[in-house]
Amino acid sequence: MEDRLDVAYRVLDAQLVDVDGRRCGRVDDIEFAGTIGEALYISALLTGHGVYPSRMPRRLQALGRRLFGPGVLGRTILRVPWTAVEDVQAAVHLREPAAELALATTDLALQRWVERIPGG
């Protein structure tokens, strides 16, 4: 990976791809860490429906929380540690399977049902 990376351009909204090539979400936000007087660093990538309201204009965030609240899509925020990132190209490639990072849980649950269907 490069030493410097324009995270807003290259990482935000990028597709997450696990070690098996499975698409498992998009980067909805980036979590930084660091202390005063030291350089910031990326600690995690955030994904999930719960991140959406914070990305909306301030005036629309309350509406976003109602639209994406627990009763609708579940305000799930999944945290992918930066240490789980293998490479950043056109997508963010991860070192681990989606299931180990709790990503694509809905897809995995649906896959189990589809496999039960004859010819599925």
Protein backbone atom coordinates (compact mmCIF):
# COMPACT_ATOMS: atom_id res chain seq x y z
CA MET A 1 0.00 0.00 0.00
CA GLU A 2 1.11 3.57 -0.59
CA ASP A 3 2.53 5.68 2.24
CA ARG A 4 0.15 8.50 1.37
CA LEU A 5 -3.43 8.09 0.30
CA ASP A 6 -6.16 10.64 -0.51
CA VAL A 7 -8.73 8.89 1.68
CA ALA A 8 -11.67 11.11 0.74
CA TYR A 9 -11.13 10.32 -2.93
CA ARG A 10 -9.80 6.74 -2.87
CA VAL A 11 -11.46 5.14 0.17
CA LEU A 12 -14.77 6.87 0.96
CA ASP A 13 -17.64 5.18 -0.91
CA ALA A 14 -15.33 2.45 -2.23
CA GLN A 15 -16.59 -1.12 -2.46
CA LEU A 16 -15.36 -3.49 0.27
CA VAL A 17 -14.14 -6.83 -1.11
CA ASP A 18 -13.17 -9.65 1.23
CA VAL A 19 -10.28 -12.09 0.82
CA ASP A 20 -12.57 -14.49 -1.12
CA GLY A 21 -13.57 -11.80 -3.64
CA ARG A 22 -17.04 -11.30 -2.11
CA ARG A 23 -18.41 -7.76 -2.24
CA CYS A 24 -19.45 -6.98 1.30
CA GLY A 25 -20.48 -3.35 1.48
CA ARG A 26 -19.18 0.15 0.88
CA VAL A 27 -17.06 2.45 2.98
CA ASP A 28 -19.57 4.91 4.45
CA ASP A 29 -17.21 6.73 6.79
CA ILE A 30 -13.64 6.73 8.03
CA GLU A 31 -12.62 6.71 11.69
CA PHE A 32 -9.41 8.52 12.59
CA ALA A 33 -7.39 8.29 15.79
CA GLY A 34 -4.47 10.18 17.26
CA THR A 35 -3.59 12.60 19.99
CA ILE A 36 -2.99 16.32 20.05
CA GLY A 37 0.34 17.21 18.48
CA GLU A 38 0.70 13.88 16.68
CA ALA A 39 -0.31 12.77 13.22
CA LEU A 40 -3.78 11.35 12.70
CA TYR A 41 -4.11 7.83 11.36
CA ILE A 42 -6.97 5.73 10.05
CA SER A 43 -8.16 3.35 12.76
CA ALA A 44 -11.22 1.88 11.04
CA LEU A 45 -13.63 2.00 8.13
CA LEU A 46 -17.32 2.31 8.97
CA THR A 47 -20.10 0.76 6.94
CA GLY A 48 -23.80 0.10 7.46
CA HIS A 49 -27.15 1.87 7.48
CA GLY A 50 -26.47 3.62 10.78
CA VAL A 51 -23.73 5.74 9.21
CA TYR A 52 -26.01 7.40 6.64
CA PRO A 53 -27.60 10.12 8.83
CA SER A 54 -24.22 11.52 9.88
CA ARG A 55 -23.26 11.97 6.21
CA MET A 56 -26.36 14.01 5.44
CA PRO A 57 -26.51 17.82 5.74
CA ARG A 58 -27.09 18.80 9.39
CA ARG A 59 -30.66 19.99 8.71
CA LEU A 60 -31.60 16.56 7.30
CA GLN A 61 -29.87 14.35 9.91
CA ALA A 62 -32.98 14.02 12.12
CA LEU A 63 -34.98 12.90 9.09
CA GLY A 64 -32.19 10.49 8.17
CA ARG A 65 -32.24 8.98 11.66
CA ARG A 66 -36.00 8.43 11.31
CA LEU A 67 -35.67 6.92 7.83
CA PHE A 68 -32.74 4.68 8.70
CA GLY A 69 -33.74 4.05 12.32
CA PRO A 70 -34.01 0.66 14.03
CA GLY A 71 -37.58 0.06 12.84
CA VAL A 72 -36.69 0.44 9.16
CA LEU A 73 -33.26 -0.88 8.28
CA GLY A 74 -31.64 -1.27 11.65
CA ARG A 75 -29.12 1.40 12.59
CA THR A 76 -26.24 -0.95 12.18
CA ILE A 77 -22.76 0.50 12.11
CA LEU A 78 -20.04 -2.02 11.35
CA ARG A 79 -16.44 -1.18 12.15
CA VAL A 80 -13.71 -2.69 9.97
CA PRO A 81 -10.29 -2.21 11.57
CA TRP A 82 -7.75 -0.60 9.24
CA THR A 83 -5.45 -3.54 10.04
CA ALA A 84 -7.93 -5.75 8.13
CA VAL A 85 -7.28 -3.78 4.92
CA GLU A 86 -4.93 -5.53 2.50
CA ASP A 87 -4.90 -3.01 -0.35
CA VAL A 88 -6.72 -0.01 -1.76
CA GLN A 89 -7.24 -0.09 -5.52
CA ALA A 90 -10.52 0.52 -7.32
CA ALA A 91 -11.99 -1.23 -4.26
CA VAL A 92 -10.83 -1.74 -0.68
CA HIS A 93 -9.53 -5.30 -0.46
CA LEU A 94 -9.66 -6.99 2.93
CA ARG A 95 -7.36 -9.62 4.46
CA GLU A 96 -10.21 -11.63 6.00
CA PRO A 97 -13.52 -13.22 4.95
CA ALA A 98 -16.64 -11.06 5.28
CA ALA A 99 -18.12 -13.37 7.92
CA GLU A 100 -15.13 -12.89 10.25
CA LEU A 101 -15.62 -9.12 10.08
CA ALA A 102 -19.42 -9.40 10.53
CA LEU A 103 -19.95 -7.97 7.02
CA ALA A 104 -22.56 -9.09 4.50
CA THR A 105 -24.56 -10.86 7.23
CA THR A 106 -27.83 -10.26 5.38
CA ASP A 107 -26.34 -11.67 2.18
CA LEU A 108 -25.01 -14.72 4.00
CA ALA A 109 -28.40 -15.34 5.65
CA LEU A 110 -30.18 -15.04 2.29
CA GLN A 111 -27.60 -17.36 0.70
CA ARG A 112 -28.52 -20.08 3.22
CA TRP A 113 -32.20 -19.79 2.23
CA VAL A 114 -31.43 -19.73 -1.50
CA GLU A 115 -29.31 -22.89 -1.16
CA ARG A 116 -32.39 -24.68 0.26
CA ILE A 117 -34.41 -23.94 -2.87
CA PRO A 118 -34.19 -26.76 -5.43
CA GLY A 119 -31.93 -25.53 -8.22
CA GLY A 120 -30.91 -22.49 -6.09
